[in-house]
Amino acid sequence: MTKKTITLFTLAAISILMIVCCASDEEPQLAQKDDLFLWEIYESKIKPQQFVDLTHTFSPGIPRWPGFPAEERKIIYTYEKDGFFAELFTHVGQYGTHCDPPGHFHKGLRMIDEIPVKEMILPLVVIDCSQKVAANPDYQLVLGDVEAWEEKHGRIPSGSFVAMRTDWYKKFTDFQAFYNKDDKGQSHYPGWTIEALKFLFDERGVTAIGHEPIDADAAVAQKEGFFSCESYVLETNRFQIELIANLDKVPEAGALLVCTWPKPRAGSGFPARLFAIIP
């Protein structure tokens, strides 16, 4: 990626942020020629880029935290009888690719409707641990992985979204492989370390983190504490995205992440739709 490409993409990113952040309740004004520059940037700089969906399709029976029930669906209107099709969906907030707001673990902190839209489009940092996880499914991302990323790409941007790539998402359609239980019933899948997370949030000021397994904590680490990594992330009043897909299809640096979800009042979490824009 050339310096010129990065500069143009940065300008385009700023333009999108202006669209998201500058909404107003005032009366709309007639557009002037200079007011249309965001459309021009979209047409020339954003639209030609590659868009990668980072979201799993969810349905009943997908991998989920064992304490949660599977989704249920009921058809309530049909084409034949009613002239249109509609379903009733029943699922826990933490289902499929989903957002965990701070209030999911910590009473009094932000719930999902309180996360502002300006936090839904962010620079995307991808730390690739896939080879280490292939050798050891219990691998936990350490500070050295973060430092290695910075040696290669420079300082992690403040306000960015940091995703841990493990390629674990490829097991999503195989329930047994996704949980990866041994003969004693212990699951084995990767996660973060507190040391790395504290550096990212305290020293680099990132906005959120995400990963491909169902938890921020590696399965074997959950015996040692009550989801200590997830609890730490949410205690900072930031959010996380779990069960991300296709991180192997985006670059380690240079992309933008767009993450959105519905807005239930005081919601404890909700399935999310994520995609990356790649220069």
C-alpha atoms as a PDB file:
ATOM      1  CA  MET A   1       0.000   0.000   0.000  1.00  0.00           C
ATOM      2  CA  THR A   2       1.494   3.347  -1.004  1.00  0.00           C
ATOM      3  CA  LYS A   3       1.629   6.445   1.168  1.00  0.00           C
ATOM      4  CA  LYS A   4      -0.691   8.187  -1.305  1.00  0.00           C
ATOM      5  CA  THR A   5      -3.239   5.384  -1.032  1.00  0.00           C
ATOM      6  CA  ILE A   6      -3.161   5.547   2.765  1.00  0.00           C
ATOM      7  CA  THR A   7      -3.618   9.337   2.667  1.00  0.00           C
ATOM      8  CA  LEU A   8      -6.617   9.125   0.327  1.00  0.00           C
ATOM      9  CA  PHE A   9      -8.155   6.373   2.388  1.00  0.00           C
ATOM     10  CA  THR A  10      -7.631   8.377   5.579  1.00  0.00           C
ATOM     11  CA  LEU A  11      -9.465  11.331   4.014  1.00  0.00           C
ATOM     12  CA  ALA A  12     -12.294   9.032   3.029  1.00  0.00           C
ATOM     13  CA  ALA A  13     -12.453   7.625   6.555  1.00  0.00           C
ATOM     14  CA  ILE A  14     -12.642  11.123   8.023  1.00  0.00           C
ATOM     15  CA  SER A  15     -15.444  11.916   5.623  1.00  0.00           C
ATOM     16  CA  ILE A  16     -17.472   8.904   6.746  1.00  0.00           C
ATOM     17  CA  LEU A  17     -16.930   9.874  10.369  1.00  0.00           C
ATOM     18  CA  MET A  18     -18.233  13.353   9.614  1.00  0.00           C
ATOM     19  CA  ILE A  19     -21.398  11.835   8.179  1.00  0.00           C
ATOM     20  CA  VAL A  20     -21.899   9.691  11.271  1.00  0.00           C
ATOM     21  CA  CYS A  21     -21.011  12.286  13.880  1.00  0.00           C
ATOM     22  CA  CYS A  22     -22.537  15.474  12.518  1.00  0.00           C
ATOM     23  CA  ALA A  23     -26.220  14.531  12.452  1.00  0.00           C
ATOM     24  CA  SER A  24     -28.458  17.412  13.532  1.00  0.00           C
ATOM     25  CA  ASP A  25     -32.080  18.003  14.495  1.00  0.00           C
ATOM     26  CA  GLU A  26     -32.083  21.356  12.675  1.00  0.00           C
ATOM     27  CA  GLU A  27     -34.147  22.024   9.564  1.00  0.00           C
ATOM     28  CA  PRO A  28     -32.384  20.659   6.464  1.00  0.00           C
ATOM     29  CA  GLN A  29     -30.892  23.305   4.197  1.00  0.00           C
ATOM     30  CA  LEU A  30     -30.715  23.300   0.415  1.00  0.00           C
ATOM     31  CA  ALA A  31     -27.485  21.598  -0.642  1.00  0.00           C
ATOM     32  CA  GLN A  32     -24.737  23.797  -2.019  1.00  0.00           C
ATOM     33  CA  LYS A  33     -22.133  22.470  -4.402  1.00  0.00           C
ATOM     34  CA  ASP A  34     -19.482  22.416  -1.680  1.00  0.00           C
ATOM     35  CA  ASP A  35     -21.829  20.401   0.559  1.00  0.00           C
ATOM     36  CA  LEU A  36     -21.678  17.452  -1.812  1.00  0.00           C
ATOM     37  CA  PHE A  37     -17.992  16.657  -1.366  1.00  0.00           C
ATOM     38  CA  LEU A  38     -18.779  13.663   0.861  1.00  0.00           C
ATOM     39  CA  TRP A  39     -20.805  12.114  -1.959  1.00  0.00           C
ATOM     40  CA  GLU A  40     -17.907  12.722  -4.306  1.00  0.00           C
ATOM     41  CA  ILE A  41     -15.464  11.098  -1.903  1.00  0.00           C
ATOM     42  CA  TYR A  42     -17.795   8.130  -1.492  1.00  0.00           C
ATOM     43  CA  GLU A  43     -18.119   7.668  -5.241  1.00  0.00           C
ATOM     44  CA  SER A  44     -14.412   8.034  -5.987  1.00  0.00           C
ATOM     45  CA  LYS A  45     -12.655   6.785  -2.819  1.00  0.00           C
ATOM     46  CA  ILE A  46     -14.982   4.538  -0.796  1.00  0.00           C
ATOM     47  CA  LYS A  47     -17.238   2.759  -3.294  1.00  0.00           C
ATOM     48  CA  PRO A  48     -14.310   1.297  -5.309  1.00  0.00           C
ATOM     49  CA  GLN A  49     -12.783  -0.346  -2.234  1.00  0.00           C
ATOM     50  CA  GLN A  50     -13.333  -3.951  -1.192  1.00  0.00           C
ATOM     51  CA  PHE A  51     -15.980  -4.689   1.440  1.00  0.00           C
ATOM     52  CA  VAL A  52     -15.590  -7.830   3.569  1.00  0.00           C
ATOM     53  CA  ASP A  53     -18.394  -9.176   5.749  1.00  0.00           C
ATOM     54  CA  LEU A  54     -17.059 -10.163   9.188  1.00  0.00           C
ATOM     55  CA  THR A  55     -20.389 -11.538  10.416  1.00  0.00           C
ATOM     56  CA  HIS A  56     -21.564 -15.123  10.849  1.00  0.00           C
ATOM     57  CA  THR A  57     -25.039 -15.995   9.635  1.00  0.00           C
ATOM     58  CA  PHE A  58     -26.925 -17.085  12.730  1.00  0.00           C
ATOM     59  CA  SER A  59     -29.605 -19.733  13.097  1.00  0.00           C
ATOM     60  CA  PRO A  60     -30.836 -22.224  15.710  1.00  0.00           C
ATOM     61  CA  GLY A  61     -28.084 -24.559  16.860  1.00  0.00           C
ATOM     62  CA  ILE A  62     -24.998 -22.413  16.202  1.00  0.00           C
ATOM     63  CA  PRO A  63     -22.127 -22.336  18.751  1.00  0.00           C
ATOM     64  CA  ARG A  64     -22.924 -20.150  21.751  1.00  0.00           C
ATOM     65  CA  TRP A  65     -22.071 -19.861  25.445  1.00  0.00           C
ATOM     66  CA  PRO A  66     -23.330 -23.150  26.961  1.00  0.00           C
ATOM     67  CA  GLY A  67     -25.584 -21.351  29.460  1.00  0.00           C
ATOM     68  CA  PHE A  68     -27.645 -19.738  26.676  1.00  0.00           C
ATOM     69  CA  PRO A  69     -30.523 -21.382  24.798  1.00  0.00           C
ATOM     70  CA  ALA A  70     -30.577 -21.758  21.045  1.00  0.00           C
ATOM     71  CA  GLU A  71     -32.487 -19.290  18.920  1.00  0.00           C
ATOM     72  CA  GLU A  72     -36.131 -20.106  18.167  1.00  0.00           C
ATOM     73  CA  ARG A  73     -38.131 -18.922  15.159  1.00  0.00           C
ATOM     74  CA  LYS A  74     -41.855 -18.915  14.499  1.00  0.00           C
ATOM     75  CA  ILE A  75     -43.526 -18.006  11.239  1.00  0.00           C
ATOM     76  CA  ILE A  76     -46.412 -15.675  12.031  1.00  0.00           C
ATOM     77  CA  TYR A  77     -47.398 -14.528   8.522  1.00  0.00           C
ATOM     78  CA  THR A  78     -47.099 -16.396   5.222  1.00  0.00           C
ATOM     79  CA  TYR A  79     -47.178 -15.380   1.565  1.00  0.00           C
ATOM     80  CA  GLU A  80     -49.984 -17.783   0.830  1.00  0.00           C
ATOM     81  CA  LYS A  81     -52.323 -16.745   3.651  1.00  0.00           C
ATOM     82  CA  ASP A  82     -51.348 -13.124   4.347  1.00  0.00           C
ATOM     83  CA  GLY A  83     -49.568 -11.896   1.246  1.00  0.00           C
ATOM     84  CA  PHE A  84     -46.270 -11.319   3.056  1.00  0.00           C
ATOM     85  CA  PHE A  85     -43.738 -13.227   5.145  1.00  0.00           C
ATOM     86  CA  ALA A  86     -42.796 -12.429   8.768  1.00  0.00           C
ATOM     87  CA  GLU A  87     -41.128 -14.342  11.572  1.00  0.00           C
ATOM     88  CA  LEU A  88     -40.839 -14.021  15.341  1.00  0.00           C
ATOM     89  CA  PHE A  89     -37.217 -14.359  16.497  1.00  0.00           C
ATOM     90  CA  THR A  90     -36.385 -15.358  20.067  1.00  0.00           C
ATOM     91  CA  HIS A  91     -32.724 -15.309  21.062  1.00  0.00           C
ATOM     92  CA  VAL A  92     -30.407 -14.136  23.797  1.00  0.00           C
ATOM     93  CA  GLY A  93     -28.557 -10.855  23.201  1.00  0.00           C
ATOM     94  CA  GLN A  94     -25.213 -12.663  23.055  1.00  0.00           C
ATOM     95  CA  TYR A  95     -26.050 -14.754  19.976  1.00  0.00           C
ATOM     96  CA  GLY A  96     -24.021 -15.193  16.827  1.00  0.00           C
ATOM     97  CA  THR A  97     -21.623 -12.367  16.006  1.00  0.00           C
ATOM     98  CA  HIS A  98     -22.620  -9.953  18.750  1.00  0.00           C
ATOM     99  CA  CYS A  99     -21.744  -6.870  20.764  1.00  0.00           C
ATOM    100  CA  ASP A 100     -21.142  -7.045  24.513  1.00  0.00           C
ATOM    101  CA  PRO A 101     -21.672  -3.595  26.060  1.00  0.00           C
ATOM    102  CA  PRO A 102     -20.025  -2.704  29.392  1.00  0.00           C
ATOM    103  CA  GLY A 103     -23.298  -3.216  31.280  1.00  0.00           C
ATOM    104  CA  HIS A 104     -23.293  -6.886  30.272  1.00  0.00           C
ATOM    105  CA  PHE A 105     -20.918  -7.489  33.196  1.00  0.00           C
ATOM    106  CA  HIS A 106     -20.923  -4.272  35.220  1.00  0.00           C
ATOM    107  CA  LYS A 107     -24.055  -2.658  36.609  1.00  0.00           C
ATOM    108  CA  GLY A 108     -24.282   1.083  35.986  1.00  0.00           C
ATOM    109  CA  LEU A 109     -22.026   1.130  32.923  1.00  0.00           C
ATOM    110  CA  ARG A 110     -23.156   1.702  29.339  1.00  0.00           C
ATOM    111  CA  MET A 111     -25.783  -0.581  27.865  1.00  0.00           C
ATOM    112  CA  ILE A 112     -25.953  -1.322  24.156  1.00  0.00           C
ATOM    113  CA  ASP A 113     -28.256   1.603  23.316  1.00  0.00           C
ATOM    114  CA  GLU A 114     -25.800   3.992  25.002  1.00  0.00           C
ATOM    115  CA  ILE A 115     -22.877   3.249  22.695  1.00  0.00           C
ATOM    116  CA  PRO A 116     -22.777   6.233  20.297  1.00  0.00           C
ATOM    117  CA  VAL A 117     -22.645   5.806  16.540  1.00  0.00           C
ATOM    118  CA  LYS A 118     -19.244   7.519  16.423  1.00  0.00           C
ATOM    119  CA  GLU A 119     -17.829   4.327  17.998  1.00  0.00           C
ATOM    120  CA  MET A 120     -19.262   2.188  15.207  1.00  0.00           C
ATOM    121  CA  ILE A 121     -16.721   3.103  12.524  1.00  0.00           C
ATOM    122  CA  LEU A 122     -13.119   2.603  13.591  1.00  0.00           C
ATOM    123  CA  PRO A 123      -9.615   1.892  12.277  1.00  0.00           C
ATOM    124  CA  LEU A 124      -9.232  -1.897  12.250  1.00  0.00           C
ATOM    125  CA  VAL A 125      -6.105  -3.470  13.723  1.00  0.00           C
ATOM    126  CA  VAL A 126      -5.759  -7.227  13.201  1.00  0.00           C
ATOM    127  CA  ILE A 127      -3.204  -9.118  15.292  1.00  0.00           C
ATOM    128  CA  ASP A 128      -2.554 -12.448  13.609  1.00  0.00           C
ATOM    129  CA  CYS A 129      -2.110 -15.325  16.063  1.00  0.00           C
ATOM    130  CA  SER A 130      -3.433 -17.991  13.696  1.00  0.00           C
ATOM    131  CA  GLN A 131      -0.200 -19.975  13.366  1.00  0.00           C
ATOM    132  CA  LYS A 132       0.347 -20.000  17.125  1.00  0.00           C
ATOM    133  CA  VAL A 133      -3.231 -21.150  17.670  1.00  0.00           C
ATOM    134  CA  ALA A 134      -2.834 -23.893  15.061  1.00  0.00           C
ATOM    135  CA  ALA A 135       0.073 -25.210  17.139  1.00  0.00           C
ATOM    136  CA  ASN A 136      -1.658 -24.623  20.489  1.00  0.00           C
ATOM    137  CA  PRO A 137      -5.455 -24.123  20.691  1.00  0.00           C
ATOM    138  CA  ASP A 138      -5.040 -22.819  24.260  1.00  0.00           C
ATOM    139  CA  TYR A 139      -2.908 -19.899  23.052  1.00  0.00           C
ATOM    140  CA  GLN A 140      -3.457 -16.526  24.706  1.00  0.00           C
ATOM    141  CA  LEU A 141      -2.480 -13.278  22.973  1.00  0.00           C
ATOM    142  CA  VAL A 142       0.367 -11.667  24.926  1.00  0.00           C
ATOM    143  CA  LEU A 143       1.920  -8.209  24.998  1.00  0.00           C
ATOM    144  CA  GLY A 144       4.695  -9.460  22.748  1.00  0.00           C
ATOM    145  CA  ASP A 145       2.151 -10.042  19.976  1.00  0.00           C
ATOM    146  CA  VAL A 146       1.044  -6.419  20.244  1.00  0.00           C
ATOM    147  CA  GLU A 147       4.638  -5.186  20.243  1.00  0.00           C
ATOM    148  CA  ALA A 148       5.427  -7.319  17.191  1.00  0.00           C
ATOM    149  CA  TRP A 149       2.461  -5.748  15.352  1.00  0.00           C
ATOM    150  CA  GLU A 150       3.732  -2.255  16.196  1.00  0.00           C
ATOM    151  CA  GLU A 151       7.264  -3.081  15.046  1.00  0.00           C
ATOM    152  CA  LYS A 152       5.796  -4.034  11.680  1.00  0.00           C
ATOM    153  CA  HIS A 153       3.058  -1.407  11.231  1.00  0.00           C
ATOM    154  CA  GLY A 154       3.749   1.425  13.680  1.00  0.00           C
ATOM    155  CA  ARG A 155       1.868   2.605  16.747  1.00  0.00           C
ATOM    156  CA  ILE A 156      -1.691   1.299  17.149  1.00  0.00           C
ATOM    157  CA  PRO A 157      -4.049   4.245  16.510  1.00  0.00           C
ATOM    158  CA  SER A 158      -5.937   5.670  19.452  1.00  0.00           C
ATOM    159  CA  GLY A 159      -9.631   4.914  19.144  1.00  0.00           C
ATOM    160  CA  SER A 160      -9.098   1.831  16.996  1.00  0.00           C
ATOM    161  CA  PHE A 161     -10.717  -1.612  17.111  1.00  0.00           C
ATOM    162  CA  VAL A 162      -8.221  -4.402  17.782  1.00  0.00           C
ATOM    163  CA  ALA A 163      -9.171  -7.889  16.612  1.00  0.00           C
ATOM    164  CA  MET A 164      -7.400 -11.124  17.492  1.00  0.00           C
ATOM    165  CA  ARG A 165      -7.158 -13.312  14.402  1.00  0.00           C
ATOM    166  CA  THR A 166      -7.040 -17.028  15.173  1.00  0.00           C
ATOM    167  CA  ASP A 167      -8.910 -18.545  12.206  1.00  0.00           C
ATOM    168  CA  TRP A 168     -11.127 -20.217  14.824  1.00  0.00           C
ATOM    169  CA  TYR A 169     -14.145 -18.933  12.897  1.00  0.00           C
ATOM    170  CA  LYS A 170     -13.551 -21.691  10.327  1.00  0.00           C
ATOM    171  CA  LYS A 171     -14.807 -24.188  12.917  1.00  0.00           C
ATOM    172  CA  PHE A 172     -18.124 -22.346  13.371  1.00  0.00           C
ATOM    173  CA  THR A 173     -20.172 -24.834  11.362  1.00  0.00           C
ATOM    174  CA  ASP A 174     -18.762 -27.788  13.342  1.00  0.00           C
ATOM    175  CA  PHE A 175     -20.150 -27.611  16.875  1.00  0.00           C
ATOM    176  CA  GLN A 176     -17.729 -30.242  18.214  1.00  0.00           C
ATOM    177  CA  ALA A 177     -14.637 -28.657  16.670  1.00  0.00           C
ATOM    178  CA  PHE A 178     -15.616 -25.169  17.809  1.00  0.00           C
ATOM    179  CA  TYR A 179     -15.768 -26.155  21.490  1.00  0.00           C
ATOM    180  CA  ASN A 180     -12.856 -28.582  21.057  1.00  0.00           C
ATOM    181  CA  LYS A 181     -13.479 -30.596  24.237  1.00  0.00           C
ATOM    182  CA  ASP A 182     -11.033 -33.199  25.499  1.00  0.00           C
ATOM    183  CA  ASP A 183     -12.020 -36.550  27.012  1.00  0.00           C
ATOM    184  CA  LYS A 184     -12.578 -34.820  30.383  1.00  0.00           C
ATOM    185  CA  GLY A 185     -15.012 -32.319  28.906  1.00  0.00           C
ATOM    186  CA  GLN A 186     -12.604 -29.365  29.019  1.00  0.00           C
ATOM    187  CA  SER A 187     -12.847 -27.029  26.035  1.00  0.00           C
ATOM    188  CA  HIS A 188      -9.724 -25.737  24.336  1.00  0.00           C
ATOM    189  CA  TYR A 189      -9.919 -22.476  22.379  1.00  0.00           C
ATOM    190  CA  PRO A 190      -7.762 -19.310  22.381  1.00  0.00           C
ATOM    191  CA  GLY A 191      -8.171 -15.928  24.072  1.00  0.00           C
ATOM    192  CA  TRP A 192      -6.501 -12.776  25.361  1.00  0.00           C
ATOM    193  CA  THR A 193      -4.273 -12.001  28.349  1.00  0.00           C
ATOM    194  CA  ILE A 194      -4.928  -9.218  30.843  1.00  0.00           C
ATOM    195  CA  GLU A 195      -1.429  -7.827  30.245  1.00  0.00           C
ATOM    196  CA  ALA A 196      -2.068  -7.290  26.524  1.00  0.00           C
ATOM    197  CA  LEU A 197      -5.539  -5.847  27.097  1.00  0.00           C
ATOM    198  CA  LYS A 198      -4.321  -3.366  29.726  1.00  0.00           C
ATOM    199  CA  PHE A 199      -1.680  -2.129  27.321  1.00  0.00           C
ATOM    200  CA  LEU A 200      -4.208  -1.701  24.522  1.00  0.00           C
ATOM    201  CA  PHE A 201      -6.758   0.170  26.622  1.00  0.00           C
ATOM    202  CA  ASP A 202      -4.501   2.052  29.047  1.00  0.00           C
ATOM    203  CA  GLU A 203      -1.502   2.825  26.823  1.00  0.00           C
ATOM    204  CA  ARG A 204      -3.023   2.926  23.339  1.00  0.00           C
ATOM    205  CA  GLY A 205      -6.561   4.076  24.138  1.00  0.00           C
ATOM    206  CA  VAL A 206      -8.341   1.633  21.841  1.00  0.00           C
ATOM    207  CA  THR A 207     -12.133   1.820  21.640  1.00  0.00           C
ATOM    208  CA  ALA A 208     -12.968  -1.890  21.507  1.00  0.00           C
ATOM    209  CA  ILE A 209     -11.627  -5.380  20.894  1.00  0.00           C
ATOM    210  CA  GLY A 210     -12.952  -8.464  19.146  1.00  0.00           C
ATOM    211  CA  HIS A 211     -12.237 -12.135  18.584  1.00  0.00           C
ATOM    212  CA  GLU A 212     -13.484 -15.265  16.828  1.00  0.00           C
ATOM    213  CA  PRO A 213     -14.254 -17.658  19.750  1.00  0.00           C
ATOM    214  CA  ILE A 214     -17.249 -17.248  22.076  1.00  0.00           C
ATOM    215  CA  ASP A 215     -15.220 -15.675  24.901  1.00  0.00           C
ATOM    216  CA  ALA A 216     -12.411 -13.170  25.382  1.00  0.00           C
ATOM    217  CA  ASP A 217     -10.866 -15.612  27.859  1.00  0.00           C
ATOM    218  CA  ALA A 218      -9.228 -18.782  26.616  1.00  0.00           C
ATOM    219  CA  ALA A 219     -11.253 -21.814  27.695  1.00  0.00           C
ATOM    220  CA  VAL A 220      -8.554 -23.182  30.010  1.00  0.00           C
ATOM    221  CA  ALA A 221      -8.123 -19.764  31.661  1.00  0.00           C
ATOM    222  CA  GLN A 222     -11.765 -19.632  32.698  1.00  0.00           C
ATOM    223  CA  LYS A 223     -11.069 -22.079  35.503  1.00  0.00           C
ATOM    224  CA  GLU A 224      -8.687 -19.576  37.081  1.00  0.00           C
ATOM    225  CA  GLY A 225     -11.085 -16.631  37.276  1.00  0.00           C
ATOM    226  CA  PHE A 226     -14.562 -15.467  36.351  1.00  0.00           C
ATOM    227  CA  PHE A 227     -13.957 -14.387  32.761  1.00  0.00           C
ATOM    228  CA  SER A 228     -11.235 -12.027  33.954  1.00  0.00           C
ATOM    229  CA  CYS A 229     -10.335 -10.726  30.463  1.00  0.00           C
ATOM    230  CA  GLU A 230     -13.921 -10.041  29.433  1.00  0.00           C
ATOM    231  CA  SER A 231     -14.667  -8.462  32.797  1.00  0.00           C
ATOM    232  CA  TYR A 232     -11.643  -6.169  32.468  1.00  0.00           C
ATOM    233  CA  VAL A 233     -12.575  -5.026  28.941  1.00  0.00           C
ATOM    234  CA  LEU A 234     -16.151  -4.173  29.909  1.00  0.00           C
ATOM    235  CA  GLU A 235     -15.067  -2.569  33.187  1.00  0.00           C
ATOM    236  CA  THR A 236     -13.188   0.056  31.146  1.00  0.00           C
ATOM    237  CA  ASN A 237     -16.630   1.074  29.775  1.00  0.00           C
ATOM    238  CA  ARG A 238     -15.636  -0.121  26.303  1.00  0.00           C
ATOM    239  CA  PHE A 239     -17.318  -2.846  24.275  1.00  0.00           C
ATOM    240  CA  GLN A 240     -16.248  -6.041  22.585  1.00  0.00           C
ATOM    241  CA  ILE A 241     -17.441  -8.069  19.600  1.00  0.00           C
ATOM    242  CA  GLU A 242     -17.441 -11.866  19.797  1.00  0.00           C
ATOM    243  CA  LEU A 243     -17.713 -14.587  17.157  1.00  0.00           C
ATOM    244  CA  ILE A 244     -16.166 -12.517  14.352  1.00  0.00           C
ATOM    245  CA  ALA A 245     -15.686 -14.155  10.938  1.00  0.00           C
ATOM    246  CA  ASN A 246     -13.290 -13.717   8.000  1.00  0.00           C
ATOM    247  CA  LEU A 247     -10.455 -11.885   9.741  1.00  0.00           C
ATOM    248  CA  ASP A 248      -8.083 -13.778   7.448  1.00  0.00           C
ATOM    249  CA  LYS A 249      -9.549 -11.834   4.526  1.00  0.00           C
ATOM    250  CA  VAL A 250      -8.554  -8.374   5.802  1.00  0.00           C
ATOM    251  CA  PRO A 251      -5.096  -6.779   6.173  1.00  0.00           C
ATOM    252  CA  GLU A 252      -3.399  -6.403   9.538  1.00  0.00           C
ATOM    253  CA  ALA A 253      -3.421  -2.606   9.104  1.00  0.00           C
ATOM    254  CA  GLY A 254      -5.135   0.005   6.963  1.00  0.00           C
ATOM    255  CA  ALA A 255      -8.776  -1.138   6.928  1.00  0.00           C
ATOM    256  CA  LEU A 256     -11.833   0.443   8.512  1.00  0.00           C
ATOM    257  CA  LEU A 257     -14.343  -1.483  10.599  1.00  0.00           C
ATOM    258  CA  VAL A 258     -18.040  -0.682  10.538  1.00  0.00           C
ATOM    259  CA  CYS A 259     -19.988  -2.374  13.328  1.00  0.00           C
ATOM    260  CA  THR A 260     -23.694  -1.852  13.921  1.00  0.00           C
ATOM    261  CA  TRP A 261     -26.564  -3.384  15.861  1.00  0.00           C
ATOM    262  CA  PRO A 262     -30.193  -2.620  16.831  1.00  0.00           C
ATOM    263  CA  LYS A 263     -30.938  -0.273  19.712  1.00  0.00           C
ATOM    264  CA  PRO A 264     -32.978  -2.008  22.437  1.00  0.00           C
ATOM    265  CA  ARG A 265     -33.408   0.233  25.474  1.00  0.00           C
ATOM    266  CA  ALA A 266     -30.919  -0.747  28.214  1.00  0.00           C
ATOM    267  CA  GLY A 267     -30.068  -3.862  26.200  1.00  0.00           C
ATOM    268  CA  SER A 268     -27.496  -6.281  27.614  1.00  0.00           C
ATOM    269  CA  GLY A 269     -26.157  -7.124  24.147  1.00  0.00           C
ATOM    270  CA  PHE A 270     -27.346  -7.877  20.630  1.00  0.00           C
ATOM    271  CA  PRO A 271     -26.336  -9.651  17.416  1.00  0.00           C
ATOM    272  CA  ALA A 272     -24.191  -7.281  15.359  1.00  0.00           C
ATOM    273  CA  ARG A 273     -23.365  -6.751  11.695  1.00  0.00           C
ATOM    274  CA  LEU A 274     -19.694  -6.079  10.996  1.00  0.00           C
ATOM    275  CA  PHE A 275     -17.846  -5.358   7.795  1.00  0.00           C
ATOM    276  CA  ALA A 276     -14.429  -4.085   6.841  1.00  0.00           C
ATOM    277  CA  ILE A 277     -13.584  -1.577   4.130  1.00  0.00           C
ATOM    278  CA  ILE A 278     -10.215  -2.426   2.621  1.00  0.00           C
ATOM    279  CA  PRO A 279      -8.050  -0.005   0.624  1.00  0.00           C
END
